[in-house]
PDB file of all heavy atoms in Angstrom:
ATOM      1  N   ASN A   1       0.807  -1.220   0.000  1.00  0.00           N
ATOM      2  CA  ASN A   1       0.000   0.000   0.000  1.00  0.00           C
ATOM      3  C   ASN A   1       0.834   1.260   0.000  1.00  0.00           C
ATOM      4  O   ASN A   1       1.901   1.329   0.616  1.00  0.00           O
ATOM      5  CB  ASN A   1      -0.886   0.086   1.255  1.00  0.00           C
ATOM      6  CG  ASN A   1      -2.096  -0.793   1.212  1.00  0.00           C
ATOM      7  OD1 ASN A   1      -2.190  -1.734   1.996  1.00  0.00           O
ATOM      8  ND2 ASN A   1      -3.015  -0.512   0.315  1.00  0.00           N
ATOM      9  N   GLU A   2       0.337   2.254  -0.674  1.00  0.00           N
ATOM     10  CA  GLU A   2       0.614   3.657  -0.450  1.00  0.00           C
ATOM     11  C   GLU A   2      -0.765   4.314  -0.399  1.00  0.00           C
ATOM     12  O   GLU A   2      -1.763   3.696  -0.808  1.00  0.00           O
ATOM     13  CB  GLU A   2       1.472   4.240  -1.568  1.00  0.00           C
ATOM     14  CG  GLU A   2       2.984   4.043  -1.376  1.00  0.00           C
ATOM     15  CD  GLU A   2       3.545   4.988  -0.312  1.00  0.00           C
ATOM     16  OE1 GLU A   2       3.462   4.628   0.897  1.00  0.00           O
ATOM     17  OE2 GLU A   2       4.053   6.064  -0.659  1.00  0.00           O
ATOM     18  N   PRO A   3      -0.877   5.525   0.129  1.00  0.00           N
ATOM     19  CA  PRO A   3      -2.208   6.124   0.240  1.00  0.00           C
ATOM     20  C   PRO A   3      -2.949   6.140  -1.106  1.00  0.00           C
ATOM     21  O   PRO A   3      -2.422   6.616  -2.114  1.00  0.00           O
ATOM     22  CB  PRO A   3      -1.913   7.554   0.720  1.00  0.00           C
ATOM     23  CG  PRO A   3      -0.648   7.426   1.480  1.00  0.00           C
ATOM     24  CD  PRO A   3       0.156   6.396   0.728  1.00  0.00           C
ATOM     25  N   GLY A   4      -4.148   5.573  -1.094  1.00  0.00           N
ATOM     26  CA  GLY A   4      -4.965   5.560  -2.297  1.00  0.00           C
ATOM     27  C   GLY A   4      -4.534   4.567  -3.350  1.00  0.00           C
ATOM     28  O   GLY A   4      -5.088   4.545  -4.451  1.00  0.00           O
ATOM     29  N   ARG A   5      -3.546   3.715  -3.045  1.00  0.00           N
ATOM     30  CA  ARG A   5      -3.083   2.730  -4.017  1.00  0.00           C
ATOM     31  C   ARG A   5      -2.789   1.416  -3.308  1.00  0.00           C
ATOM     32  O   ARG A   5      -2.236   1.409  -2.212  1.00  0.00           O
ATOM     33  CB  ARG A   5      -1.803   3.193  -4.722  1.00  0.00           C
ATOM     34  CG  ARG A   5      -1.955   4.421  -5.603  1.00  0.00           C
ATOM     35  CD  ARG A   5      -0.647   4.749  -6.287  1.00  0.00           C
ATOM     36  NE  ARG A   5       0.373   5.185  -5.337  1.00  0.00           N
ATOM     37  CZ  ARG A   5       1.676   4.968  -5.479  1.00  0.00           C
ATOM     38  NH1 ARG A   5       2.131   4.275  -6.516  1.00  0.00           N
ATOM     39  NH2 ARG A   5       2.532   5.414  -4.584  1.00  0.00           N
ATOM     40  N   SER A   6      -3.152   0.332  -3.940  1.00  0.00           N
ATOM     41  CA  SER A   6      -2.766  -0.974  -3.416  1.00  0.00           C
ATOM     42  C   SER A   6      -2.403  -1.885  -4.578  1.00  0.00           C
ATOM     43  O   SER A   6      -2.898  -1.734  -5.702  1.00  0.00           O
ATOM     44  CB  SER A   6      -3.894  -1.602  -2.587  1.00  0.00           C
ATOM     45  OG  SER A   6      -5.013  -1.891  -3.396  1.00  0.00           O
ATOM     46  N   ALA A   7      -1.512  -2.823  -4.290  1.00  0.00           N
ATOM     47  CA  ALA A   7      -1.160  -3.896  -5.215  1.00  0.00           C
ATOM     48  C   ALA A   7      -1.211  -5.184  -4.414  1.00  0.00           C
ATOM     49  O   ALA A   7      -0.732  -5.236  -3.278  1.00  0.00           O
ATOM     50  CB  ALA A   7       0.220  -3.681  -5.813  1.00  0.00           C
ATOM     51  N   VAL A   8      -1.808  -6.209  -5.004  1.00  0.00           N
ATOM     52  CA  VAL A   8      -2.072  -7.439  -4.260  1.00  0.00           C
ATOM     53  C   VAL A   8      -1.627  -8.645  -5.067  1.00  0.00           C
ATOM     54  O   VAL A   8      -1.861  -8.717  -6.284  1.00  0.00           O
ATOM     55  CB  VAL A   8      -3.579  -7.571  -3.929  1.00  0.00           C
ATOM     56  CG1 VAL A   8      -3.848  -8.841  -3.126  1.00  0.00           C
ATOM     57  CG2 VAL A   8      -4.080  -6.341  -3.182  1.00  0.00           C
ATOM     58  N   LEU A   9      -1.015  -9.581  -4.388  1.00  0.00           N
ATOM     59  CA  LEU A   9      -0.810 -10.929  -4.907  1.00  0.00           C
ATOM     60  C   LEU A   9      -1.699 -11.858  -4.092  1.00  0.00           C
ATOM     61  O   LEU A   9      -1.630 -11.858  -2.859  1.00  0.00           O
ATOM     62  CB  LEU A   9       0.647 -11.356  -4.772  1.00  0.00           C
ATOM     63  CG  LEU A   9       1.616 -10.785  -5.800  1.00  0.00           C
ATOM     64  CD1 LEU A   9       3.057 -11.056  -5.376  1.00  0.00           C
ATOM     65  CD2 LEU A   9       1.351 -11.364  -7.191  1.00  0.00           C
ATOM     66  N   TYR A  10      -2.525 -12.625  -4.783  1.00  0.00           N
ATOM     67  CA  TYR A  10      -3.503 -13.464  -4.090  1.00  0.00           C
ATOM     68  C   TYR A  10      -3.412 -14.883  -4.630  1.00  0.00           C
ATOM     69  O   TYR A  10      -3.669 -15.124  -5.815  1.00  0.00           O
ATOM     70  CB  TYR A  10      -4.904 -12.899  -4.290  1.00  0.00           C
ATOM     71  CG  TYR A  10      -6.025 -13.765  -3.759  1.00  0.00           C
ATOM     72  CD1 TYR A  10      -5.947 -14.345  -2.503  1.00  0.00           C
ATOM     73  CD2 TYR A  10      -7.160 -13.994  -4.524  1.00  0.00           C
ATOM     74  CE1 TYR A  10      -6.970 -15.125  -2.011  1.00  0.00           C
ATOM     75  CE2 TYR A  10      -8.200 -14.779  -4.049  1.00  0.00           C
ATOM     76  CZ  TYR A  10      -8.106 -15.342  -2.797  1.00  0.00           C
ATOM     77  OH  TYR A  10      -9.113 -16.126  -2.316  1.00  0.00           O
ATOM     78  N   ALA A  11      -3.011 -15.804  -3.786  1.00  0.00           N
ATOM     79  CA  ALA A  11      -2.881 -17.216  -4.165  1.00  0.00           C
ATOM     80  C   ALA A  11      -4.051 -17.978  -3.573  1.00  0.00           C
ATOM     81  O   ALA A  11      -4.152 -18.111  -2.345  1.00  0.00           O
ATOM     82  CB  ALA A  11      -1.568 -17.794  -3.661  1.00  0.00           C
ATOM     83  N   VAL A  12      -4.946 -18.465  -4.425  1.00  0.00           N
ATOM     84  CA  VAL A  12      -6.109 -19.212  -3.945  1.00  0.00           C
ATOM     85  C   VAL A  12      -5.657 -20.460  -3.204  1.00  0.00           C
ATOM     86  O   VAL A  12      -6.190 -20.812  -2.159  1.00  0.00           O
ATOM     87  CB  VAL A  12      -7.031 -19.563  -5.121  1.00  0.00           C
ATOM     88  CG1 VAL A  12      -8.137 -20.516  -4.685  1.00  0.00           C
ATOM     89  CG2 VAL A  12      -7.633 -18.294  -5.714  1.00  0.00           C
ATOM     90  N   GLU A  13      -4.675 -21.135  -3.748  1.00  0.00           N
ATOM     91  CA  GLU A  13      -4.098 -22.308  -3.088  1.00  0.00           C
ATOM     92  C   GLU A  13      -2.684 -22.457  -3.602  1.00  0.00           C
ATOM     93  O   GLU A  13      -2.123 -21.516  -4.170  1.00  0.00           O
ATOM     94  CB  GLU A  13      -4.944 -23.557  -3.370  1.00  0.00           C
ATOM     95  CG  GLU A  13      -5.222 -23.804  -4.843  1.00  0.00           C
ATOM     96  CD  GLU A  13      -6.245 -24.905  -5.062  1.00  0.00           C
ATOM     97  OE1 GLU A  13      -6.801 -25.388  -4.065  1.00  0.00           O
ATOM     98  OE2 GLU A  13      -6.482 -25.259  -6.216  1.00  0.00           O
ATOM     99  N   SER A  14      -2.052 -23.590  -3.388  1.00  0.00           N
ATOM    100  CA  SER A  14      -0.683 -23.775  -3.858  1.00  0.00           C
ATOM    101  C   SER A  14      -0.714 -24.201  -5.318  1.00  0.00           C
ATOM    102  O   SER A  14      -0.377 -25.335  -5.664  1.00  0.00           O
ATOM    103  CB  SER A  14       0.037 -24.827  -3.001  1.00  0.00           C
ATOM    104  OG  SER A  14      -0.730 -26.029  -2.956  1.00  0.00           O
ATOM    105  N   SER A  15      -1.118 -23.280  -6.181  1.00  0.00           N
ATOM    106  CA  SER A  15      -1.258 -23.585  -7.601  1.00  0.00           C
ATOM    107  C   SER A  15      -0.173 -22.883  -8.404  1.00  0.00           C
ATOM    108  O   SER A  15       0.628 -22.102  -7.869  1.00  0.00           O
ATOM    109  CB  SER A  15      -2.640 -23.161  -8.102  1.00  0.00           C
ATOM    110  OG  SER A  15      -2.813 -21.773  -7.927  1.00  0.00           O
ATOM    111  N   ALA A  16      -0.180 -23.152  -9.709  1.00  0.00           N
ATOM    112  CA  ALA A  16       0.873 -22.613 -10.565  1.00  0.00           C
ATOM    113  C   ALA A  16       0.661 -21.153 -10.920  1.00  0.00           C
ATOM    114  O   ALA A  16       1.559 -20.523 -11.482  1.00  0.00           O
ATOM    115  CB  ALA A  16       0.954 -23.440 -11.854  1.00  0.00           C
ATOM    116  N   SER A  17      -0.498 -20.590 -10.618  1.00  0.00           N
ATOM    117  CA  SER A  17      -0.760 -19.198 -10.951  1.00  0.00           C
ATOM    118  C   SER A  17      -1.343 -18.475  -9.745  1.00  0.00           C
ATOM    119  O   SER A  17      -1.888 -19.096  -8.826  1.00  0.00           O
ATOM    120  CB  SER A  17      -1.717 -19.089 -12.143  1.00  0.00           C
ATOM    121  OG  SER A  17      -2.971 -19.651 -11.831  1.00  0.00           O
ATOM    122  N   VAL A  18      -1.218 -17.174  -9.745  1.00  0.00           N
ATOM    123  CA  VAL A  18      -1.792 -16.323  -8.720  1.00  0.00           C
ATOM    124  C   VAL A  18      -2.541 -15.192  -9.411  1.00  0.00           C
ATOM    125  O   VAL A  18      -2.351 -14.928 -10.604  1.00  0.00           O
ATOM    126  CB  VAL A  18      -0.720 -15.742  -7.773  1.00  0.00           C
ATOM    127  CG1 VAL A  18      -0.024 -16.853  -7.004  1.00  0.00           C
ATOM    128  CG2 VAL A  18       0.298 -14.907  -8.553  1.00  0.00           C
ATOM    129  N   HIS A  19      -3.377 -14.515  -8.646  1.00  0.00           N
ATOM    130  CA  HIS A  19      -4.057 -13.334  -9.148  1.00  0.00           C
ATOM    131  C   HIS A  19      -3.296 -12.093  -8.719  1.00  0.00           C
ATOM    132  O   HIS A  19      -2.837 -11.995  -7.574  1.00  0.00           O
ATOM    133  CB  HIS A  19      -5.486 -13.249  -8.605  1.00  0.00           C
ATOM    134  CG  HIS A  19      -6.380 -14.342  -9.116  1.00  0.00           C
ATOM    135  ND1 HIS A  19      -6.845 -14.377 -10.407  1.00  0.00           N
ATOM    136  CD2 HIS A  19      -6.878 -15.437  -8.505  1.00  0.00           C
ATOM    137  CE1 HIS A  19      -7.599 -15.455 -10.570  1.00  0.00           C
ATOM    138  NE2 HIS A  19      -7.620 -16.114  -9.435  1.00  0.00           N
ATOM    139  N   GLY A  20      -3.176 -11.165  -9.645  1.00  0.00           N
ATOM    140  CA  GLY A  20      -2.649  -9.853  -9.325  1.00  0.00           C
ATOM    141  C   GLY A  20      -3.773  -8.834  -9.364  1.00  0.00           C
ATOM    142  O   GLY A  20      -4.684  -8.934 -10.199  1.00  0.00           O
ATOM    143  N   PHE A  21      -3.733  -7.881  -8.455  1.00  0.00           N
ATOM    144  CA  PHE A  21      -4.735  -6.816  -8.399  1.00  0.00           C
ATOM    145  C   PHE A  21      -4.023  -5.475  -8.263  1.00  0.00           C
ATOM    146  O   PHE A  21      -3.070  -5.342  -7.491  1.00  0.00           O
ATOM    147  CB  PHE A  21      -5.651  -6.968  -7.175  1.00  0.00           C
ATOM    148  CG  PHE A  21      -6.553  -8.163  -7.179  1.00  0.00           C
ATOM    149  CD1 PHE A  21      -6.087  -9.395  -6.740  1.00  0.00           C
ATOM    150  CD2 PHE A  21      -7.870  -8.056  -7.592  1.00  0.00           C
ATOM    151  CE1 PHE A  21      -6.919 -10.497  -6.715  1.00  0.00           C
ATOM    152  CE2 PHE A  21      -8.703  -9.155  -7.573  1.00  0.00           C
ATOM    153  CZ  PHE A  21      -8.231 -10.383  -7.143  1.00  0.00           C
ATOM    154  N   PHE A  22      -4.516  -4.493  -8.981  1.00  0.00           N
ATOM    155  CA  PHE A  22      -4.194  -3.097  -8.712  1.00  0.00           C
ATOM    156  C   PHE A  22      -5.497  -2.380  -8.416  1.00  0.00           C
ATOM    157  O   PHE A  22      -6.479  -2.522  -9.156  1.00  0.00           O
ATOM    158  CB  PHE A  22      -3.529  -2.430  -9.925  1.00  0.00           C
ATOM    159  CG  PHE A  22      -2.102  -2.840 -10.162  1.00  0.00           C
ATOM    160  CD1 PHE A  22      -1.761  -3.575 -11.286  1.00  0.00           C
ATOM    161  CD2 PHE A  22      -1.106  -2.472  -9.279  1.00  0.00           C
ATOM    162  CE1 PHE A  22      -0.441  -3.940 -11.526  1.00  0.00           C
ATOM    163  CE2 PHE A  22       0.218  -2.844  -9.505  1.00  0.00           C
ATOM    164  CZ  PHE A  22       0.546  -3.575 -10.624  1.00  0.00           C
ATOM    165  N   THR A  23      -5.523  -1.604  -7.343  1.00  0.00           N
ATOM    166  CA  THR A  23      -6.668  -0.761  -7.020  1.00  0.00           C
ATOM    167  C   THR A  23      -6.147   0.604  -6.639  1.00  0.00           C
ATOM    168  O   THR A  23      -5.245   0.718  -5.803  1.00  0.00           O
ATOM    169  CB  THR A  23      -7.484  -1.348  -5.841  1.00  0.00           C
ATOM    170  OG1 THR A  23      -7.844  -2.692  -6.124  1.00  0.00           O
ATOM    171  CG2 THR A  23      -8.749  -0.533  -5.606  1.00  0.00           C
ATOM    172  N   PHE A  24      -6.698   1.651  -7.268  1.00  0.00           N
ATOM    173  CA  PHE A  24      -6.185   2.988  -6.985  1.00  0.00           C
ATOM    174  C   PHE A  24      -7.285   4.032  -7.171  1.00  0.00           C
ATOM    175  O   PHE A  24      -8.233   3.835  -7.912  1.00  0.00           O
ATOM    176  CB  PHE A  24      -4.976   3.324  -7.866  1.00  0.00           C
ATOM    177  CG  PHE A  24      -5.173   3.124  -9.339  1.00  0.00           C
ATOM    178  CD1 PHE A  24      -5.608   4.166 -10.156  1.00  0.00           C
ATOM    179  CD2 PHE A  24      -4.911   1.887  -9.932  1.00  0.00           C
ATOM    180  CE1 PHE A  24      -5.777   3.980 -11.522  1.00  0.00           C
ATOM    181  CE2 PHE A  24      -5.083   1.689 -11.296  1.00  0.00           C
ATOM    182  CZ  PHE A  24      -5.517   2.739 -12.092  1.00  0.00           C
ATOM    183  N   THR A  25      -7.117   5.120  -6.431  1.00  0.00           N
ATOM    184  CA  THR A  25      -8.087   6.205  -6.552  1.00  0.00           C
ATOM    185  C   THR A  25      -7.919   6.913  -7.890  1.00  0.00           C
ATOM    186  O   THR A  25      -6.815   6.998  -8.443  1.00  0.00           O
ATOM    187  CB  THR A  25      -7.917   7.217  -5.414  1.00  0.00           C
ATOM    188  OG1 THR A  25      -6.569   7.706  -5.422  1.00  0.00           O
ATOM    189  CG2 THR A  25      -8.214   6.577  -4.063  1.00  0.00           C
ATOM    190  N   HIS A  26      -9.038   7.412  -8.387  1.00  0.00           N
ATOM    191  CA  HIS A  26      -9.034   8.185  -9.628  1.00  0.00           C
ATOM    192  C   HIS A  26     -10.195   9.150  -9.544  1.00  0.00           C
ATOM    193  O   HIS A  26     -11.312   8.760  -9.186  1.00  0.00           O
ATOM    194  CB  HIS A  26      -9.173   7.257 -10.843  1.00  0.00           C
ATOM    195  CG  HIS A  26      -8.644   7.850 -12.114  1.00  0.00           C
ATOM    196  ND1 HIS A  26      -9.405   8.637 -12.934  1.00  0.00           N
ATOM    197  CD2 HIS A  26      -7.423   7.760 -12.701  1.00  0.00           C
ATOM    198  CE1 HIS A  26      -8.682   9.016 -13.988  1.00  0.00           C
ATOM    199  NE2 HIS A  26      -7.469   8.494 -13.863  1.00  0.00           N
ATOM    200  N   GLU A  27      -9.942  10.419  -9.833  1.00  0.00           N
ATOM    201  CA  GLU A  27     -10.941  11.461  -9.574  1.00  0.00           C
ATOM    202  C   GLU A  27     -12.284  11.160 -10.219  1.00  0.00           C
ATOM    203  O   GLU A  27     -13.337  11.403  -9.631  1.00  0.00           O
ATOM    204  CB  GLU A  27     -10.411  12.815 -10.050  1.00  0.00           C
ATOM    205  CG  GLU A  27     -11.351  13.966  -9.726  1.00  0.00           C
ATOM    206  CD  GLU A  27     -10.752  15.319 -10.090  1.00  0.00           C
ATOM    207  OE1 GLU A  27      -9.571  15.364 -10.487  1.00  0.00           O
ATOM    208  OE2 GLU A  27     -11.479  16.320  -9.987  1.00  0.00           O
ATOM    209  N   ALA A  28     -12.263  10.654 -11.427  1.00  0.00           N
ATOM    210  CA  ALA A  28     -13.498  10.333 -12.144  1.00  0.00           C
ATOM    211  C   ALA A  28     -13.268   9.043 -12.910  1.00  0.00           C
ATOM    212  O   ALA A  28     -12.130   8.653 -13.170  1.00  0.00           O
ATOM    213  CB  ALA A  28     -13.879  11.469 -13.092  1.00  0.00           C
ATOM    214  N   PRO A  29     -14.330   8.346 -13.276  1.00  0.00           N
ATOM    215  CA  PRO A  29     -14.145   7.133 -14.075  1.00  0.00           C
ATOM    216  C   PRO A  29     -13.359   7.445 -15.343  1.00  0.00           C
ATOM    217  O   PRO A  29     -13.719   8.372 -16.079  1.00  0.00           O
ATOM    218  CB  PRO A  29     -15.586   6.704 -14.406  1.00  0.00           C
ATOM    219  CG  PRO A  29     -16.423   7.295 -13.325  1.00  0.00           C
ATOM    220  CD  PRO A  29     -15.758   8.599 -12.974  1.00  0.00           C
ATOM    221  N   PRO A  30     -12.265   6.737 -15.600  1.00  0.00           N
ATOM    222  CA  PRO A  30     -11.446   7.035 -16.792  1.00  0.00           C
ATOM    223  C   PRO A  30     -12.246   6.821 -18.073  1.00  0.00           C
ATOM    224  O   PRO A  30     -12.711   5.709 -18.339  1.00  0.00           O
ATOM    225  CB  PRO A  30     -10.289   6.028 -16.691  1.00  0.00           C
ATOM    226  CG  PRO A  30     -10.275   5.609 -15.258  1.00  0.00           C
ATOM    227  CD  PRO A  30     -11.686   5.661 -14.797  1.00  0.00           C
ATOM    228  N   PRO A  31     -12.476   7.855 -18.854  1.00  0.00           N
ATOM    229  CA  PRO A  31     -13.315   7.706 -20.051  1.00  0.00           C
ATOM    230  C   PRO A  31     -12.657   6.832 -21.104  1.00  0.00           C
ATOM    231  O   PRO A  31     -11.474   6.982 -21.415  1.00  0.00           O
ATOM    232  CB  PRO A  31     -13.477   9.147 -20.549  1.00  0.00           C
ATOM    233  CG  PRO A  31     -12.269   9.864 -20.017  1.00  0.00           C
ATOM    234  CD  PRO A  31     -11.951   9.222 -18.708  1.00  0.00           C
ATOM    235  N   GLY A  32     -13.419   5.896 -21.626  1.00  0.00           N
ATOM    236  CA  GLY A  32     -12.977   5.108 -22.763  1.00  0.00           C
ATOM    237  C   GLY A  32     -12.014   3.991 -22.475  1.00  0.00           C
ATOM    238  O   GLY A  32     -11.709   3.191 -23.364  1.00  0.00           O
ATOM    239  N   LEU A  33     -11.501   3.870 -21.239  1.00  0.00           N
ATOM    240  CA  LEU A  33     -10.447   2.880 -20.985  1.00  0.00           C
ATOM    241  C   LEU A  33     -10.964   1.447 -21.034  1.00  0.00           C
ATOM    242  O   LEU A  33     -10.184   0.525 -21.278  1.00  0.00           O
ATOM    243  CB  LEU A  33      -9.772   3.136 -19.646  1.00  0.00           C
ATOM    244  CG  LEU A  33      -8.746   4.275 -19.621  1.00  0.00           C
ATOM    245  CD1 LEU A  33      -8.088   4.352 -18.266  1.00  0.00           C
ATOM    246  CD2 LEU A  33      -7.688   4.085 -20.698  1.00  0.00           C
ATOM    247  N   LEU A  34     -12.272   1.266 -20.798  1.00  0.00           N
ATOM    248  CA  LEU A  34     -12.805  -0.099 -20.892  1.00  0.00           C
ATOM    249  C   LEU A  34     -12.666  -0.647 -22.308  1.00  0.00           C
ATOM    250  O   LEU A  34     -12.680  -1.852 -22.517  1.00  0.00           O
ATOM    251  CB  LEU A  34     -14.275  -0.120 -20.465  1.00  0.00           C
ATOM    252  CG  LEU A  34     -14.557   0.230 -18.998  1.00  0.00           C
ATOM    253  CD1 LEU A  34     -16.051   0.175 -18.732  1.00  0.00           C
ATOM    254  CD2 LEU A  34     -13.819  -0.713 -18.061  1.00  0.00           C
ATOM    255  N   ARG A  35     -12.523   0.250 -23.269  1.00  0.00           N
ATOM    256  CA  ARG A  35     -12.374  -0.176 -24.670  1.00  0.00           C
ATOM    257  C   ARG A  35     -10.968   0.089 -25.193  1.00  0.00           C
ATOM    258  O   ARG A  35     -10.740   0.023 -26.399  1.00  0.00           O
ATOM    259  CB  ARG A  35     -13.403   0.559 -25.536  1.00  0.00           C
ATOM    260  CG  ARG A  35     -14.841   0.261 -25.150  1.00  0.00           C
ATOM    261  CD  ARG A  35     -15.827   1.038 -25.995  1.00  0.00           C
ATOM    262  NE  ARG A  35     -15.677   2.471 -25.818  1.00  0.00           N
ATOM    263  CZ  ARG A  35     -16.232   3.158 -24.809  1.00  0.00           C
ATOM    264  NH1 ARG A  35     -16.954   2.529 -23.899  1.00  0.00           N
ATOM    265  NH2 ARG A  35     -16.055   4.463 -24.708  1.00  0.00           N
ATOM    266  N   ASP A  36     -10.031   0.410 -24.294  1.00  0.00           N
ATOM    267  CA  ASP A  36      -8.677   0.773 -24.710  1.00  0.00           C
ATOM    268  C   ASP A  36      -7.663   0.064 -23.820  1.00  0.00           C
ATOM    269  O   ASP A  36      -7.116   0.655 -22.882  1.00  0.00           O
ATOM    270  CB  ASP A  36      -8.514   2.297 -24.627  1.00  0.00           C
ATOM    271  CG  ASP A  36      -7.123   2.765 -25.057  1.00  0.00           C
ATOM    272  OD1 ASP A  36      -6.359   1.947 -25.611  1.00  0.00           O
ATOM    273  OD2 ASP A  36      -6.802   3.948 -24.802  1.00  0.00           O
TER     274      ASP A  36
END
């Protein structure tokens, strides 16, 4: 963590892959990024 930002590694179990997450504050929904 830093304020307003997090990065996560999440291992469901002892498997060959893990999930990565980024979550961060943003003043408004980023326009168009869902398609970019």
